[in-house]
N, C-alpha and C. Protein backbone atom coordinates (compact mmCIF):
# COMPACT_ATOMS: atom_id res chain seq x y z
N UNK A 1 20.90 14.26 -35.72
CA UNK A 1 21.24 13.49 -34.29
C UNK A 1 20.22 12.09 -34.51
N UNK A 2 19.37 11.73 -35.72
CA UNK A 2 18.43 10.64 -35.37
C UNK A 2 19.67 9.66 -36.34
N UNK A 3 19.87 9.98 -37.08
CA UNK A 3 21.73 8.96 -38.11
C UNK A 3 21.77 9.23 -37.00
N UNK A 4 22.20 8.85 -35.83
CA UNK A 4 22.98 7.86 -34.32
C UNK A 4 23.27 6.68 -34.69
N UNK A 5 24.23 5.73 -33.25
CA UNK A 5 24.23 4.53 -33.63
C UNK A 5 22.23 4.23 -32.71
N UNK A 6 22.55 4.99 -32.24
CA UNK A 6 21.02 4.40 -30.62
C UNK A 6 19.88 4.41 -31.96
N UNK A 7 19.89 5.11 -32.53
CA UNK A 7 18.78 4.30 -33.38
C UNK A 7 18.43 3.82 -34.15
N UNK A 8 19.50 2.57 -34.27
CA UNK A 8 19.62 1.15 -34.76
C UNK A 8 19.44 0.24 -33.78
N UNK A 9 20.20 0.70 -32.37
CA UNK A 9 19.84 -0.42 -31.49
C UNK A 9 18.27 0.44 -30.89
N UNK A 10 17.91 1.18 -31.03
CA UNK A 10 16.16 0.86 -31.02
C UNK A 10 15.35 0.39 -31.67
N UNK A 11 15.83 0.77 -32.97
CA UNK A 11 15.03 0.04 -33.98
C UNK A 11 14.96 -1.62 -33.91
N UNK A 12 16.22 -1.79 -33.09
CA UNK A 12 16.50 -3.68 -33.53
C UNK A 12 15.60 -4.16 -32.37
N UNK A 13 15.78 -2.98 -30.82
CA UNK A 13 14.65 -3.94 -30.58
C UNK A 13 13.09 -3.37 -30.49
N UNK A 14 12.67 -2.54 -31.22
CA UNK A 14 11.32 -3.00 -31.89
C UNK A 14 11.20 -4.13 -32.79
N UNK A 15 12.30 -4.33 -33.63
CA UNK A 15 11.94 -5.78 -34.48
C UNK A 15 12.49 -6.63 -33.53
N UNK A 16 12.99 -6.98 -32.87
CA UNK A 16 12.75 -7.97 -32.02
C UNK A 16 11.04 -7.95 -30.72
N UNK A 17 11.26 -7.02 -30.50
CA UNK A 17 9.97 -7.41 -29.57
C UNK A 17 8.33 -7.34 -31.12
N UNK A 18 8.54 -6.97 -32.21
CA UNK A 18 7.64 -7.28 -33.08
C UNK A 18 7.94 -8.86 -33.68
N UNK A 19 8.95 -9.37 -33.46
CA UNK A 19 9.36 -10.31 -33.80
C UNK A 19 8.00 -11.35 -32.64
N UNK A 20 8.02 -11.36 -31.59
CA UNK A 20 7.26 -11.66 -30.64
C UNK A 20 5.87 -12.48 -31.46
N UNK A 21 5.70 -11.20 -31.67
CA UNK A 21 3.88 -12.15 -32.88
C UNK A 21 4.02 -12.94 -33.84
N UNK A 22 5.79 -13.48 -34.41
CA UNK A 22 5.10 -14.30 -35.65
C UNK A 22 5.28 -15.62 -34.59
N UNK A 23 7.02 -16.08 -33.60
CA UNK A 23 7.29 -17.34 -33.05
C UNK A 23 6.82 -17.10 -31.54
N UNK A 24 6.60 -19.08 -31.90
CA UNK A 24 5.84 -19.07 -30.65
C UNK A 24 7.21 -18.68 -29.39
N UNK A 25 6.56 -18.66 -28.03
CA UNK A 25 7.45 -18.85 -27.12
C UNK A 25 7.32 -20.49 -26.83
N UNK A 26 6.87 -21.22 -26.79
CA UNK A 26 6.53 -22.12 -26.38
C UNK A 26 5.86 -23.34 -26.95
N UNK A 27 6.24 -24.54 -27.20
CA UNK A 27 5.41 -25.67 -27.74
C UNK A 27 5.14 -26.39 -26.72
N UNK A 28 4.13 -27.10 -27.10
CA UNK A 28 3.32 -28.74 -26.29
C UNK A 28 2.89 -29.66 -26.65
N UNK A 29 3.19 -30.61 -26.67
CA UNK A 29 3.03 -31.82 -27.29
C UNK A 29 2.07 -32.44 -26.41
N UNK A 30 0.83 -32.60 -26.56
CA UNK A 30 0.09 -33.23 -25.99
C UNK A 30 -0.41 -34.59 -26.21
N UNK A 31 -0.87 -35.46 -25.02
CA UNK A 31 -0.57 -37.16 -25.13
C UNK A 31 -1.45 -37.38 -26.47
N UNK A 32 -2.36 -37.10 -27.07
CA UNK A 32 -3.25 -37.14 -27.80
C UNK A 32 -2.02 -37.19 -29.48
N UNK A 33 -0.73 -36.27 -29.44
CA UNK A 33 -0.53 -36.03 -30.34
C UNK A 33 -0.20 -34.99 -31.26
N UNK A 34 -1.57 -33.86 -30.82
CA UNK A 34 -0.85 -33.13 -31.08
C UNK A 34 -0.67 -31.58 -30.68
N UNK A 35 -0.05 -30.78 -31.76
CA UNK A 35 0.39 -29.89 -30.55
C UNK A 35 0.24 -28.79 -30.21
N UNK A 36 0.97 -27.79 -29.73
CA UNK A 36 0.50 -26.84 -29.85
C UNK A 36 1.62 -25.71 -29.70
N UNK A 37 0.56 -24.20 -29.89
CA UNK A 37 2.12 -23.34 -29.84
C UNK A 37 1.42 -22.47 -29.50
N UNK A 38 2.17 -21.41 -27.72
CA UNK A 38 2.11 -20.48 -27.86
C UNK A 38 2.37 -19.30 -28.03
N UNK A 39 1.64 -18.35 -28.78
CA UNK A 39 2.76 -16.96 -28.71
C UNK A 39 1.84 -16.04 -27.86
N UNK A 40 2.25 -14.32 -28.05
CA UNK A 40 1.67 -13.69 -27.90
C UNK A 40 0.37 -13.60 -28.10
N UNK A 41 0.35 -14.21 -29.00
CA UNK A 41 -1.43 -13.79 -30.22
C UNK A 41 -2.63 -14.66 -29.25
N UNK A 42 -1.55 -15.84 -29.10
CA UNK A 42 -2.84 -17.19 -28.81
C UNK A 42 -2.67 -18.10 -29.35
N UNK A 43 -3.32 -19.11 -28.40
CA UNK A 43 -2.31 -21.07 -29.03
C UNK A 43 -3.26 -20.67 -29.88
N UNK A 44 -2.18 -21.56 -30.12
CA UNK A 44 -2.30 -22.00 -31.48
C UNK A 44 -2.12 -23.65 -32.51
N UNK A 45 -3.12 -24.45 -32.09
CA UNK A 45 -2.66 -25.94 -32.36
C UNK A 45 -3.09 -26.11 -33.94
N UNK A 46 -1.99 -27.61 -33.97
CA UNK A 46 -2.37 -27.96 -35.48
C UNK A 46 -3.16 -28.96 -35.23
N UNK A 47 -4.37 -28.48 -35.67
CA UNK A 47 -6.07 -30.02 -36.09
C UNK A 47 -6.00 -30.18 -37.57
N UNK A 48 -5.66 -31.76 -38.09
CA UNK A 48 -5.88 -32.11 -39.37
C UNK A 48 -5.70 -31.25 -40.49
N UNK A 49 -3.86 -31.09 -39.82
CA UNK A 49 -2.80 -30.20 -40.58
C UNK A 49 -2.83 -29.13 -40.81
N UNK A 50 -3.64 -28.51 -40.40
CA UNK A 50 -4.25 -27.05 -40.80
C UNK A 50 -3.99 -26.62 -39.10
N UNK A 51 -2.75 -25.22 -38.80
CA UNK A 51 -2.74 -24.15 -38.24
C UNK A 51 -4.10 -23.58 -37.47
N UNK A 52 -4.51 -23.98 -36.31
CA UNK A 52 -5.63 -22.90 -36.27
C UNK A 52 -5.40 -22.12 -34.96
N UNK A 53 -5.60 -21.24 -34.47
CA UNK A 53 -5.47 -19.96 -33.04
C UNK A 53 -7.37 -20.80 -32.77
N UNK A 54 -6.50 -21.15 -31.27
CA UNK A 54 -7.77 -22.30 -30.81
C UNK A 54 -8.11 -21.13 -29.27
N UNK A 55 -6.89 -20.05 -29.10
CA UNK A 55 -7.60 -19.39 -27.58
C UNK A 55 -6.75 -17.62 -27.75
N UNK A 56 -7.44 -16.50 -28.43
CA UNK A 56 -6.84 -15.00 -28.67
C UNK A 56 -6.42 -14.84 -27.11
N UNK A 57 -5.11 -14.01 -27.17
CA UNK A 57 -4.97 -13.24 -26.06
C UNK A 57 -4.80 -11.88 -25.88
N UNK A 58 -6.30 -10.77 -26.27
CA UNK A 58 -6.17 -9.45 -27.18
C UNK A 58 -5.02 -9.14 -26.05
N UNK A 59 -5.56 -9.25 -24.76
CA UNK A 59 -4.86 -8.15 -23.47
C UNK A 59 -3.49 -8.40 -24.05
N UNK A 60 -2.81 -9.75 -24.19
CA UNK A 60 -1.82 -9.34 -24.03
C UNK A 60 -0.94 -8.87 -25.51
N UNK A 61 -1.05 -9.22 -26.87
CA UNK A 61 -1.03 -8.82 -27.77
C UNK A 61 -0.91 -7.33 -28.14
N UNK A 62 -2.04 -6.14 -27.19
CA UNK A 62 -2.42 -4.87 -26.98
C UNK A 62 -1.09 -4.31 -26.27
N UNK A 63 -1.32 -5.45 -25.34
CA UNK A 63 0.82 -4.51 -24.65
C UNK A 63 2.16 -4.85 -25.36
N UNK A 64 2.16 -5.72 -26.37
CA UNK A 64 2.65 -6.07 -26.70
C UNK A 64 3.41 -5.43 -27.64
N UNK A 65 1.71 -4.89 -28.20
CA UNK A 65 2.66 -4.09 -29.28
C UNK A 65 2.51 -2.48 -29.20
N UNK A 66 1.96 -2.20 -27.70
CA UNK A 66 2.97 -1.06 -27.20
C UNK A 66 4.15 -0.78 -26.76
N UNK A 67 4.56 -1.46 -26.41
CA UNK A 67 5.90 -1.87 -25.71
C UNK A 67 6.43 -1.73 -26.84
N UNK A 68 6.14 -2.35 -27.27
CA UNK A 68 6.81 -2.67 -29.09
C UNK A 68 7.08 -1.91 -29.77
N UNK A 69 6.23 -0.55 -29.88
CA UNK A 69 6.60 0.43 -30.52
C UNK A 69 6.94 1.29 -29.68
N UNK A 70 7.06 1.15 -27.83
CA UNK A 70 7.54 2.33 -26.76
C UNK A 70 9.63 2.59 -27.77
N UNK A 71 10.22 1.32 -28.63
CA UNK A 71 11.94 2.47 -28.56
C UNK A 71 12.06 2.79 -29.28
N UNK A 72 10.22 2.30 -30.37
CA UNK A 72 10.08 3.21 -31.65
C UNK A 72 10.25 4.84 -31.72
N UNK A 73 9.64 4.92 -30.67
CA UNK A 73 8.41 6.17 -30.05
C UNK A 73 9.81 6.91 -30.08
N UNK A 74 10.62 6.93 -28.95
CA UNK A 74 11.74 6.49 -27.96
C UNK A 74 12.64 7.42 -29.49
N UNK A 75 13.09 7.01 -29.90
CA UNK A 75 14.23 7.49 -31.49
C UNK A 75 13.60 9.16 -31.84
N UNK A 76 12.30 9.27 -31.90
CA UNK A 76 11.49 10.50 -31.91
C UNK A 76 12.11 12.06 -31.52
N UNK A 77 12.59 11.34 -29.95
CA UNK A 77 12.49 12.45 -29.15
C UNK A 77 14.35 12.72 -28.83
N UNK A 78 14.94 12.83 -29.93
CA UNK A 78 16.25 12.71 -29.77
C UNK A 78 16.65 14.43 -29.97
N UNK A 79 16.12 15.51 -29.76
CA UNK A 79 16.22 16.93 -29.43
C UNK A 79 16.49 16.32 -27.58
N UNK A 80 15.83 15.78 -26.62
CA UNK A 80 15.10 15.52 -25.48
C UNK A 80 15.90 14.34 -25.22
N UNK A 81 17.54 13.99 -24.68
CA UNK A 81 18.10 13.15 -24.12
C UNK A 81 17.66 12.59 -23.18
N UNK A 82 17.91 14.44 -22.39
CA UNK A 82 17.27 13.32 -20.99
C UNK A 82 16.13 12.32 -20.82
N UNK A 83 14.69 12.38 -21.66
CA UNK A 83 13.49 12.26 -21.74
C UNK A 83 13.55 10.99 -21.78
N UNK A 84 14.79 10.12 -23.17
CA UNK A 84 14.97 9.41 -24.23
C UNK A 84 15.61 9.01 -23.22
N UNK A 85 16.20 8.90 -21.97
CA UNK A 85 17.47 8.17 -21.27
C UNK A 85 15.44 7.39 -20.27
N UNK A 86 15.08 8.03 -19.85
CA UNK A 86 14.10 8.20 -18.71
C UNK A 86 12.80 7.01 -19.51
N UNK A 87 12.89 6.97 -21.06
CA UNK A 87 11.77 6.69 -21.41
C UNK A 87 12.31 5.53 -21.45
N UNK A 88 13.15 5.30 -22.11
CA UNK A 88 14.38 3.67 -22.02
C UNK A 88 14.67 3.11 -20.97
N UNK A 89 14.02 4.18 -20.01
CA UNK A 89 14.53 2.86 -18.87
C UNK A 89 13.08 2.50 -18.44
N UNK A 90 11.85 3.35 -18.88
CA UNK A 90 10.98 2.85 -18.94
C UNK A 90 10.36 1.89 -19.70
N UNK A 91 11.08 1.79 -20.80
CA UNK A 91 10.88 0.22 -21.76
C UNK A 91 11.26 -0.45 -21.49
N UNK A 92 12.48 -0.94 -20.93
CA UNK A 92 13.21 -1.91 -20.31
C UNK A 92 12.19 -2.66 -19.38
N UNK A 93 11.93 -1.28 -18.20
CA UNK A 93 11.22 -2.71 -17.39
C UNK A 93 10.13 -3.07 -17.99
N UNK A 94 9.38 -2.08 -19.49
CA UNK A 94 8.03 -2.42 -19.63
C UNK A 94 8.42 -4.45 -20.14
N UNK A 95 9.48 -4.23 -20.63
CA UNK A 95 10.19 -5.28 -21.10
C UNK A 95 9.85 -7.01 -20.74
N UNK A 96 10.24 -6.32 -19.32
CA UNK A 96 10.56 -7.58 -18.26
C UNK A 96 9.60 -7.72 -17.48
N UNK A 97 8.38 -6.79 -17.93
CA UNK A 97 6.80 -7.31 -17.53
C UNK A 97 5.95 -8.08 -17.74
N UNK A 98 6.61 -7.61 -19.48
CA UNK A 98 6.32 -8.36 -20.64
C UNK A 98 6.85 -9.60 -20.54
N UNK A 99 7.66 -10.37 -19.81
CA UNK A 99 8.48 -11.55 -19.78
C UNK A 99 7.81 -12.52 -19.10
N UNK A 100 7.50 -11.59 -18.34
CA UNK A 100 6.87 -12.22 -17.02
C UNK A 100 5.60 -12.58 -17.15
N UNK A 101 4.85 -11.43 -17.33
CA UNK A 101 3.49 -12.02 -17.82
C UNK A 101 3.24 -13.06 -18.41
N UNK A 102 4.28 -13.38 -19.88
CA UNK A 102 4.22 -14.38 -20.74
C UNK A 102 4.89 -16.03 -20.02
N UNK A 103 5.83 -15.95 -19.18
CA UNK A 103 5.98 -16.36 -18.21
C UNK A 103 5.35 -17.42 -17.72
N UNK A 104 4.25 -16.76 -17.13
CA UNK A 104 2.59 -16.90 -16.50
C UNK A 104 1.20 -17.85 -17.19
N UNK A 105 1.92 -16.69 -18.35
CA UNK A 105 1.02 -17.70 -18.93
C UNK A 105 1.53 -19.59 -20.00
N UNK A 106 2.47 -19.44 -19.92
CA UNK A 106 2.49 -20.59 -20.37
C UNK A 106 2.67 -21.97 -18.89
N UNK A 107 2.94 -20.60 -17.55
CA UNK A 107 3.12 -22.72 -17.13
C UNK A 107 2.06 -22.57 -16.86
N UNK A 108 0.57 -21.45 -16.98
CA UNK A 108 -1.18 -22.03 -17.52
C UNK A 108 -1.10 -22.64 -18.90
N UNK A 109 -0.71 -23.02 -19.19
CA UNK A 109 -0.74 -22.98 -20.60
C UNK A 109 -0.84 -24.62 -20.93
N UNK A 110 0.91 -25.48 -19.90
CA UNK A 110 1.17 -26.39 -19.98
C UNK A 110 0.96 -26.57 -18.32
N UNK A 111 0.39 -28.07 -18.71
CA UNK A 111 -0.05 -28.89 -18.06
C UNK A 111 1.03 -29.84 -16.68
N UNK A 112 2.04 -30.00 -17.77
CA UNK A 112 3.35 -30.41 -17.61
C UNK A 112 4.48 -29.83 -17.55
N UNK A 113 5.50 -30.21 -16.63
CA UNK A 113 6.81 -29.58 -16.67
C UNK A 113 7.02 -29.08 -18.29
N UNK A 114 7.99 -27.48 -17.99
CA UNK A 114 8.37 -27.62 -19.49
C UNK A 114 9.54 -28.11 -19.43
N UNK A 115 10.38 -28.72 -20.88
CA UNK A 115 11.48 -28.25 -20.71
C UNK A 115 12.65 -28.06 -21.24
N UNK A 116 13.56 -28.15 -21.94
CA UNK A 116 14.24 -26.61 -22.92
C UNK A 116 13.61 -27.07 -24.22
N UNK A 117 13.24 -28.28 -25.11
CA UNK A 117 12.92 -28.82 -25.71
C UNK A 117 11.15 -28.33 -26.42
N UNK A 118 10.90 -27.36 -25.53
CA UNK A 118 9.42 -27.35 -25.01
C UNK A 118 8.73 -25.23 -25.68
N UNK A 119 10.43 -25.00 -25.03
CA UNK A 119 10.46 -23.44 -25.94
C UNK A 119 11.03 -23.06 -27.13
N UNK A 120 10.70 -22.18 -27.24
CA UNK A 120 10.27 -21.76 -29.14
C UNK A 120 11.89 -20.57 -29.18
N UNK A 121 11.88 -20.10 -30.74
CA UNK A 121 12.65 -18.84 -30.30
C UNK A 121 12.39 -17.40 -29.17
N UNK A 122 10.77 -17.65 -28.88
CA UNK A 122 10.33 -16.61 -29.01
C UNK A 122 10.55 -15.65 -27.71
N UNK A 123 11.02 -16.76 -26.61
CA UNK A 123 11.62 -16.74 -25.06
C UNK A 123 13.37 -15.85 -25.50
N UNK A 124 13.43 -15.89 -26.53
CA UNK A 124 14.69 -15.28 -26.14
C UNK A 124 15.67 -14.21 -26.51
N UNK A 125 14.16 -13.54 -26.84
CA UNK A 125 13.59 -12.44 -28.10
C UNK A 125 13.63 -11.45 -27.29
N UNK A 126 12.39 -11.27 -25.92
CA UNK A 126 13.24 -9.89 -24.40
C UNK A 126 14.37 -9.68 -24.82
N UNK A 127 15.10 -11.37 -24.03
CA UNK A 127 16.19 -10.74 -24.34
C UNK A 127 16.95 -9.79 -24.58
N UNK A 128 16.78 -9.95 -26.16
CA UNK A 128 17.55 -9.77 -27.03
C UNK A 128 17.74 -8.32 -27.34
N UNK A 129 15.90 -7.81 -26.81
CA UNK A 129 14.80 -6.57 -27.28
C UNK A 129 15.65 -6.00 -26.00
N UNK A 130 16.04 -6.11 -25.28
CA UNK A 130 16.28 -5.27 -23.69
C UNK A 130 17.76 -5.05 -23.38
N UNK A 131 19.18 -5.78 -24.35
CA UNK A 131 20.54 -6.14 -24.59
C UNK A 131 20.75 -4.54 -25.72
N UNK A 132 19.46 -4.80 -26.96
CA UNK A 132 19.25 -3.78 -27.57
C UNK A 132 19.16 -1.78 -27.12
N UNK A 133 18.39 -2.54 -26.46
CA UNK A 133 18.31 -0.78 -25.19
C UNK A 133 19.21 -0.49 -24.39
N UNK A 134 19.77 -1.51 -23.50
CA UNK A 134 20.84 -0.75 -22.99
C UNK A 134 22.14 -0.69 -24.01
N UNK A 135 22.39 -1.34 -25.32
CA UNK A 135 23.10 -0.51 -26.02
C UNK A 135 22.79 1.02 -27.04
N UNK A 136 21.09 1.14 -27.07
CA UNK A 136 20.79 2.35 -27.69
C UNK A 136 20.97 3.28 -26.16
N UNK A 137 21.11 2.80 -24.86
CA UNK A 137 21.27 4.21 -24.06
C UNK A 137 22.95 4.20 -23.58
N UNK A 138 23.58 3.72 -23.82
CA UNK A 138 24.50 4.17 -24.55
C UNK A 138 24.97 5.13 -25.10
N UNK A 139 23.98 4.66 -26.33
CA UNK A 139 24.90 5.92 -27.56
C UNK A 139 24.44 7.21 -26.48
N UNK A 140 23.17 7.37 -26.17
CA UNK A 140 22.84 8.42 -26.24
C UNK A 140 23.55 9.20 -25.31
N UNK A 141 23.86 8.16 -24.02
CA UNK A 141 24.52 9.03 -23.19
C UNK A 141 25.95 9.82 -23.45
N UNK A 142 25.46 8.69 -24.28
CA UNK A 142 27.50 9.29 -25.45
C UNK A 142 26.96 10.06 -25.59
N UNK A 143 25.45 11.06 -26.77
CA UNK A 143 25.42 11.66 -27.03
C UNK A 143 25.53 12.65 -26.33
N UNK A 144 25.20 12.51 -25.20
CA UNK A 144 25.08 13.49 -23.69
C UNK A 144 26.41 14.02 -23.72
N UNK A 145 27.28 13.23 -23.09
CA UNK A 145 28.35 12.96 -23.09
C UNK A 145 29.04 13.88 -23.99
N UNK A 146 28.94 13.81 -25.09
CA UNK A 146 29.48 14.75 -26.54
C UNK A 146 28.80 16.24 -25.99
N UNK A 147 27.54 16.05 -26.26
CA UNK A 147 27.59 17.91 -26.41
C UNK A 147 27.79 18.61 -25.27
N UNK A 148 27.80 18.15 -23.86
CA UNK A 148 28.36 18.43 -22.52
C UNK A 148 29.75 18.75 -22.30
N UNK A 149 30.33 18.61 -23.15
CA UNK A 149 31.52 18.57 -23.51
C UNK A 149 31.41 19.75 -24.06
N UNK A 150 31.34 20.08 -25.65
CA UNK A 150 30.77 20.96 -26.84
C UNK A 150 30.90 22.62 -25.79
N UNK A 151 29.31 21.93 -25.30
CA UNK A 151 28.74 22.84 -24.58
C UNK A 151 30.08 23.80 -23.98
N UNK A 152 31.48 22.51 -22.85
CA UNK A 152 31.77 23.42 -21.95
C UNK A 152 32.67 24.47 -22.77
N UNK A 153 33.65 24.05 -23.60
CA UNK A 153 34.32 24.85 -24.57
C UNK A 153 33.74 26.03 -25.06
N UNK A 154 32.91 26.10 -25.20
CA UNK A 154 32.09 27.12 -26.31
C UNK A 154 32.10 28.30 -25.13
């Protein structure tokens, strides 16, 4: 059962969440001409042509890794679909919580109101991960329905 379509969706959710480590979710142009990028791993500034991490976010990095590993771990509970469904809902709630946390950090880091030009690719990754989780849930429910109908025939 590990070769089912929900495995692909859950794996893609994991990849989208790990991509948060690579892509910034906000870019800030300072008045002195320097740029700052905020990622889940910290604040990065462009100083003298080099990108330097000026402020690490250790707690957010750890939380992101835990939330990102959750869909991958859910894949291996394929024998217990009810637990898989429950953990999928918990993972969706955790992704939403991580999104709110990153939004609060973005507000704290930006002294000026943010426009559309300030947002990076990291902003759309959590909703994409939630979409993949929902598609995975749909596949899990479909398997559960198939198993129940097969049990009725026996």
